[in-house]
Amino acid sequence: MFIDPFVLRSLNRSELRKKILMYLNEIYPSPTYLSELARAIKSDPSNVKGALIGLGNRYNGHSSLVSLGLVEVVEKDGFKYYRLTEYGKQVVKLLKSYQPYYSRYT
């Protein structure tokens, strides 16, 4: 499967985006809501929201996980939940395969 280099660049520029993807991969196929996700990865909900969908100047909407196609928004009963997409699963698989390589240089 082809992985867009812009996606990898975006993820490499943000540890928070990587943490979100890894957590969503762990609980896949279950979706989760924003505050639960923030609590699980020990981050502020506004930062998590920015990484997921973009938020003003601080988080570019074009680099958000939803815009990149890695996470989908599931609306149910007026609530928004977030779940990893199939493309997101492939990207996580690729990131995990790179992990041992990068750890040799840190």
N, C-alpha and C. Protein backbone atom coordinates (compact mmCIF):
# COMPACT_ATOMS: atom_id res chain seq x y z
N MET A 1 0.84 -1.19 0.00
CA MET A 1 0.00 0.00 0.00
C MET A 1 0.88 1.25 0.00
N PHE A 2 0.51 2.23 -0.80
CA PHE A 2 1.26 3.48 -0.88
C PHE A 2 0.90 4.37 0.31
N ILE A 3 1.92 4.91 0.97
CA ILE A 3 1.73 5.86 2.07
C ILE A 3 2.28 7.21 1.61
N ASP A 4 1.44 8.20 1.64
CA ASP A 4 1.81 9.55 1.21
C ASP A 4 2.95 10.09 2.08
N PRO A 5 4.03 10.56 1.48
CA PRO A 5 5.14 11.12 2.26
C PRO A 5 4.73 12.32 3.12
N PHE A 6 3.71 13.08 2.70
CA PHE A 6 3.20 14.19 3.50
C PHE A 6 2.64 13.69 4.83
N VAL A 7 2.01 12.51 4.80
CA VAL A 7 1.46 11.90 6.02
C VAL A 7 2.60 11.57 6.98
N LEU A 8 3.64 10.94 6.47
CA LEU A 8 4.78 10.57 7.33
C LEU A 8 5.47 11.81 7.88
N ARG A 9 5.61 12.84 7.06
CA ARG A 9 6.23 14.08 7.52
C ARG A 9 5.41 14.71 8.63
N SER A 10 4.11 14.72 8.46
CA SER A 10 3.22 15.28 9.47
C SER A 10 3.32 14.52 10.79
N LEU A 11 3.39 13.22 10.71
CA LEU A 11 3.50 12.41 11.93
C LEU A 11 4.86 12.56 12.60
N ASN A 12 5.90 12.69 11.80
CA ASN A 12 7.23 12.85 12.37
C ASN A 12 7.41 14.21 13.04
N ARG A 13 6.57 15.15 12.71
CA ARG A 13 6.65 16.47 13.32
C ARG A 13 5.82 16.58 14.59
N SER A 14 5.09 15.53 14.96
CA SER A 14 4.21 15.60 16.12
C SER A 14 4.15 14.28 16.88
N GLU A 15 4.73 14.26 18.06
CA GLU A 15 4.65 13.07 18.91
C GLU A 15 3.21 12.82 19.33
N LEU A 16 2.45 13.89 19.52
CA LEU A 16 1.06 13.75 19.94
C LEU A 16 0.25 13.00 18.88
N ARG A 17 0.42 13.33 17.62
CA ARG A 17 -0.30 12.62 16.55
C ARG A 17 0.06 11.14 16.57
N LYS A 18 1.33 10.84 16.77
CA LYS A 18 1.75 9.43 16.83
C LYS A 18 1.11 8.72 18.01
N LYS A 19 1.09 9.37 19.18
CA LYS A 19 0.48 8.75 20.37
C LYS A 19 -1.00 8.46 20.14
N ILE A 20 -1.69 9.41 19.53
CA ILE A 20 -3.11 9.22 19.24
C ILE A 20 -3.30 8.02 18.32
N LEU A 21 -2.51 7.94 17.27
CA LEU A 21 -2.64 6.81 16.34
C LEU A 21 -2.35 5.48 17.02
N MET A 22 -1.32 5.44 17.83
CA MET A 22 -0.97 4.19 18.51
C MET A 22 -2.08 3.74 19.47
N TYR A 23 -2.66 4.70 20.19
CA TYR A 23 -3.76 4.35 21.10
C TYR A 23 -4.98 3.87 20.32
N LEU A 24 -5.35 4.58 19.27
CA LEU A 24 -6.50 4.16 18.48
C LEU A 24 -6.27 2.79 17.83
N ASN A 25 -5.02 2.50 17.51
CA ASN A 25 -4.69 1.18 16.97
C ASN A 25 -4.89 0.09 18.04
N GLU A 26 -4.53 0.40 19.28
CA GLU A 26 -4.70 -0.57 20.36
C GLU A 26 -6.16 -0.92 20.60
N ILE A 27 -7.05 0.05 20.50
CA ILE A 27 -8.46 -0.20 20.81
C ILE A 27 -9.29 -0.52 19.56
N TYR A 28 -8.67 -0.52 18.38
CA TYR A 28 -9.39 -0.77 17.13
C TYR A 28 -10.14 -2.11 17.21
N PRO A 29 -11.35 -2.21 16.75
CA PRO A 29 -12.16 -1.30 15.95
C PRO A 29 -13.07 -0.38 16.78
N SER A 30 -12.89 -0.36 18.07
CA SER A 30 -13.74 0.49 18.91
C SER A 30 -13.40 1.97 18.73
N PRO A 31 -14.40 2.81 18.63
CA PRO A 31 -14.14 4.26 18.61
C PRO A 31 -14.04 4.77 20.04
N THR A 32 -13.55 5.97 20.22
CA THR A 32 -13.47 6.59 21.53
C THR A 32 -13.81 8.06 21.41
N TYR A 33 -14.18 8.65 22.53
CA TYR A 33 -14.50 10.08 22.50
C TYR A 33 -13.30 10.88 22.96
N LEU A 34 -13.34 12.18 22.71
CA LEU A 34 -12.20 13.07 22.88
C LEU A 34 -11.60 13.04 24.28
N SER A 35 -12.41 13.20 25.31
CA SER A 35 -11.85 13.27 26.67
C SER A 35 -11.24 11.94 27.11
N GLU A 36 -11.84 10.83 26.68
CA GLU A 36 -11.26 9.52 27.02
C GLU A 36 -9.91 9.35 26.33
N LEU A 37 -9.83 9.76 25.09
CA LEU A 37 -8.59 9.70 24.34
C LEU A 37 -7.51 10.55 25.00
N ALA A 38 -7.87 11.77 25.39
CA ALA A 38 -6.91 12.68 26.04
C ALA A 38 -6.41 12.08 27.35
N ARG A 39 -7.31 11.50 28.12
CA ARG A 39 -6.93 10.88 29.39
C ARG A 39 -5.99 9.69 29.17
N ALA A 40 -6.29 8.89 28.17
CA ALA A 40 -5.50 7.68 27.90
C ALA A 40 -4.06 8.01 27.51
N ILE A 41 -3.87 9.09 26.75
CA ILE A 41 -2.52 9.42 26.31
C ILE A 41 -1.88 10.52 27.15
N LYS A 42 -2.60 10.91 28.22
CA LYS A 42 -2.10 11.91 29.17
C LYS A 42 -1.76 13.25 28.49
N SER A 43 -2.78 13.79 27.83
CA SER A 43 -2.61 15.08 27.15
C SER A 43 -3.86 15.93 27.37
N ASP A 44 -3.74 17.19 27.11
CA ASP A 44 -4.85 18.12 27.25
C ASP A 44 -5.86 17.90 26.11
N PRO A 45 -7.17 17.90 26.43
CA PRO A 45 -8.17 17.68 25.38
C PRO A 45 -8.09 18.67 24.21
N SER A 46 -7.74 19.93 24.48
CA SER A 46 -7.66 20.89 23.38
C SER A 46 -6.50 20.55 22.43
N ASN A 47 -5.40 20.04 22.97
CA ASN A 47 -4.29 19.62 22.11
C ASN A 47 -4.67 18.40 21.29
N VAL A 48 -5.39 17.47 21.90
CA VAL A 48 -5.82 16.26 21.20
C VAL A 48 -6.80 16.65 20.08
N LYS A 49 -7.71 17.56 20.39
CA LYS A 49 -8.66 18.02 19.37
C LYS A 49 -7.92 18.67 18.20
N GLY A 50 -6.91 19.47 18.51
CA GLY A 50 -6.12 20.09 17.46
C GLY A 50 -5.43 19.07 16.58
N ALA A 51 -4.87 18.04 17.19
CA ALA A 51 -4.19 17.00 16.42
C ALA A 51 -5.19 16.20 15.57
N LEU A 52 -6.39 16.01 16.09
CA LEU A 52 -7.40 15.25 15.37
C LEU A 52 -8.03 16.02 14.21
N ILE A 53 -8.46 17.25 14.47
CA ILE A 53 -9.22 17.97 13.43
C ILE A 53 -8.68 19.36 13.10
N GLY A 54 -7.63 19.80 13.78
CA GLY A 54 -7.09 21.13 13.56
C GLY A 54 -7.73 22.12 14.52
N LEU A 55 -6.99 23.17 14.83
CA LEU A 55 -7.49 24.14 15.80
C LEU A 55 -6.73 25.45 15.64
N GLY A 56 -7.29 26.37 14.90
CA GLY A 56 -6.69 27.69 14.76
C GLY A 56 -5.29 27.67 14.18
N ASN A 57 -4.45 28.59 14.64
CA ASN A 57 -3.09 28.72 14.13
C ASN A 57 -2.15 27.64 14.65
N ARG A 58 -2.44 27.15 15.84
CA ARG A 58 -1.51 26.21 16.48
C ARG A 58 -1.48 24.85 15.79
N TYR A 59 -2.64 24.39 15.35
CA TYR A 59 -2.72 23.09 14.68
C TYR A 59 -3.28 23.29 13.28
N ASN A 60 -2.50 22.99 12.29
CA ASN A 60 -2.89 23.12 10.90
C ASN A 60 -3.94 22.06 10.56
N GLY A 61 -5.07 22.50 10.07
CA GLY A 61 -6.13 21.57 9.70
C GLY A 61 -5.74 20.60 8.61
N HIS A 62 -4.84 21.01 7.71
CA HIS A 62 -4.41 20.14 6.61
C HIS A 62 -3.55 18.99 7.12
N SER A 63 -2.93 19.17 8.28
CA SER A 63 -2.08 18.12 8.85
C SER A 63 -2.80 17.34 9.94
N SER A 64 -4.07 17.59 10.13
CA SER A 64 -4.81 16.88 11.18
C SER A 64 -5.02 15.42 10.78
N LEU A 65 -5.19 14.59 11.76
CA LEU A 65 -5.33 13.16 11.51
C LEU A 65 -6.58 12.84 10.69
N VAL A 66 -7.65 13.59 10.91
CA VAL A 66 -8.87 13.38 10.13
C VAL A 66 -8.66 13.81 8.68
N SER A 67 -8.04 14.97 8.47
CA SER A 67 -7.80 15.46 7.11
C SER A 67 -6.85 14.55 6.33
N LEU A 68 -5.91 13.93 7.04
CA LEU A 68 -4.97 13.03 6.39
C LEU A 68 -5.59 11.67 6.08
N GLY A 69 -6.80 11.43 6.57
CA GLY A 69 -7.48 10.15 6.30
C GLY A 69 -7.06 9.03 7.23
N LEU A 70 -6.40 9.36 8.33
CA LEU A 70 -5.93 8.33 9.26
C LEU A 70 -6.96 8.01 10.34
N VAL A 71 -7.80 8.98 10.64
CA VAL A 71 -8.83 8.83 11.67
C VAL A 71 -10.15 9.29 11.09
N GLU A 72 -11.23 8.59 11.45
CA GLU A 72 -12.55 8.99 11.01
C GLU A 72 -13.39 9.44 12.20
N VAL A 73 -14.32 10.34 11.93
CA VAL A 73 -15.24 10.81 12.95
C VAL A 73 -16.53 10.02 12.81
N VAL A 74 -16.96 9.39 13.90
CA VAL A 74 -18.20 8.63 13.91
C VAL A 74 -19.18 9.39 14.80
N GLU A 75 -20.29 9.83 14.23
CA GLU A 75 -21.30 10.56 15.01
C GLU A 75 -22.43 9.61 15.35
N LYS A 76 -22.75 9.57 16.66
CA LYS A 76 -23.81 8.69 17.12
C LYS A 76 -24.53 9.36 18.28
N ASP A 77 -25.83 9.49 18.16
CA ASP A 77 -26.67 10.10 19.19
C ASP A 77 -26.20 11.49 19.58
N GLY A 78 -25.71 12.25 18.61
CA GLY A 78 -25.28 13.62 18.86
C GLY A 78 -23.87 13.74 19.44
N PHE A 79 -23.16 12.64 19.58
CA PHE A 79 -21.79 12.65 20.09
C PHE A 79 -20.82 12.28 18.99
N LYS A 80 -19.59 12.80 19.11
CA LYS A 80 -18.55 12.49 18.13
C LYS A 80 -17.54 11.52 18.75
N TYR A 81 -17.26 10.48 18.02
CA TYR A 81 -16.27 9.49 18.42
C TYR A 81 -15.21 9.42 17.32
N TYR A 82 -14.03 8.96 17.68
CA TYR A 82 -12.92 8.89 16.74
C TYR A 82 -12.42 7.45 16.64
N ARG A 83 -12.18 7.01 15.40
CA ARG A 83 -11.72 5.64 15.17
C ARG A 83 -10.68 5.64 14.05
N LEU A 84 -9.73 4.77 14.16
CA LEU A 84 -8.69 4.60 13.16
C LEU A 84 -9.29 4.07 11.87
N THR A 85 -8.84 4.58 10.73
CA THR A 85 -9.29 4.07 9.43
C THR A 85 -8.38 2.91 9.01
N GLU A 86 -8.77 2.25 7.94
CA GLU A 86 -7.91 1.17 7.41
C GLU A 86 -6.56 1.73 6.97
N TYR A 87 -6.59 2.90 6.35
CA TYR A 87 -5.35 3.57 5.94
C TYR A 87 -4.51 3.89 7.17
N GLY A 88 -5.16 4.35 8.24
CA GLY A 88 -4.48 4.63 9.49
C GLY A 88 -3.80 3.39 10.06
N LYS A 89 -4.47 2.25 9.95
CA LYS A 89 -3.87 0.99 10.42
C LYS A 89 -2.59 0.67 9.65
N GLN A 90 -2.61 0.90 8.35
CA GLN A 90 -1.43 0.63 7.53
C GLN A 90 -0.27 1.56 7.91
N VAL A 91 -0.60 2.82 8.20
CA VAL A 91 0.43 3.78 8.59
C VAL A 91 1.03 3.39 9.94
N VAL A 92 0.19 2.97 10.89
CA VAL A 92 0.68 2.53 12.20
C VAL A 92 1.61 1.32 12.03
N LYS A 93 1.22 0.41 11.17
CA LYS A 93 2.05 -0.77 10.90
C LYS A 93 3.43 -0.36 10.38
N LEU A 94 3.44 0.61 9.48
CA LEU A 94 4.70 1.12 8.95
C LEU A 94 5.53 1.79 10.04
N LEU A 95 4.89 2.62 10.87
CA LEU A 95 5.60 3.31 11.95
C LEU A 95 6.21 2.31 12.93
N LYS A 96 5.47 1.26 13.24
CA LYS A 96 5.99 0.23 14.15
C LYS A 96 7.18 -0.51 13.55
N SER A 97 7.18 -0.67 12.24
CA SER A 97 8.31 -1.35 11.61
C SER A 97 9.56 -0.48 11.62
N TYR A 98 9.39 0.86 11.61
CA TYR A 98 10.52 1.78 11.66
C TYR A 98 11.08 1.95 13.06
N GLN A 99 10.28 1.68 14.09
CA GLN A 99 10.66 1.94 15.48
C GLN A 99 12.02 1.33 15.86
N PRO A 100 12.25 0.06 15.59
CA PRO A 100 13.56 -0.51 15.97
C PRO A 100 14.73 0.17 15.25
N TYR A 101 14.49 0.58 14.01
CA TYR A 101 15.54 1.24 13.24
C TYR A 101 15.93 2.56 13.87
N TYR A 102 14.92 3.40 14.21
CA TYR A 102 15.20 4.71 14.78
C TYR A 102 15.76 4.62 16.19
N SER A 103 15.37 3.61 16.94
CA SER A 103 15.83 3.52 18.33
C SER A 103 17.33 3.26 18.41
N ARG A 104 17.94 2.80 17.36
CA ARG A 104 19.40 2.58 17.36
C ARG A 104 20.17 3.91 17.38
N TYR A 105 19.51 4.99 16.97
CA TYR A 105 20.19 6.27 16.84
C TYR A 105 19.80 7.28 17.93
N THR A 106 19.05 6.84 18.92
CA THR A 106 18.66 7.75 20.00
C THR A 106 19.29 7.36 21.31
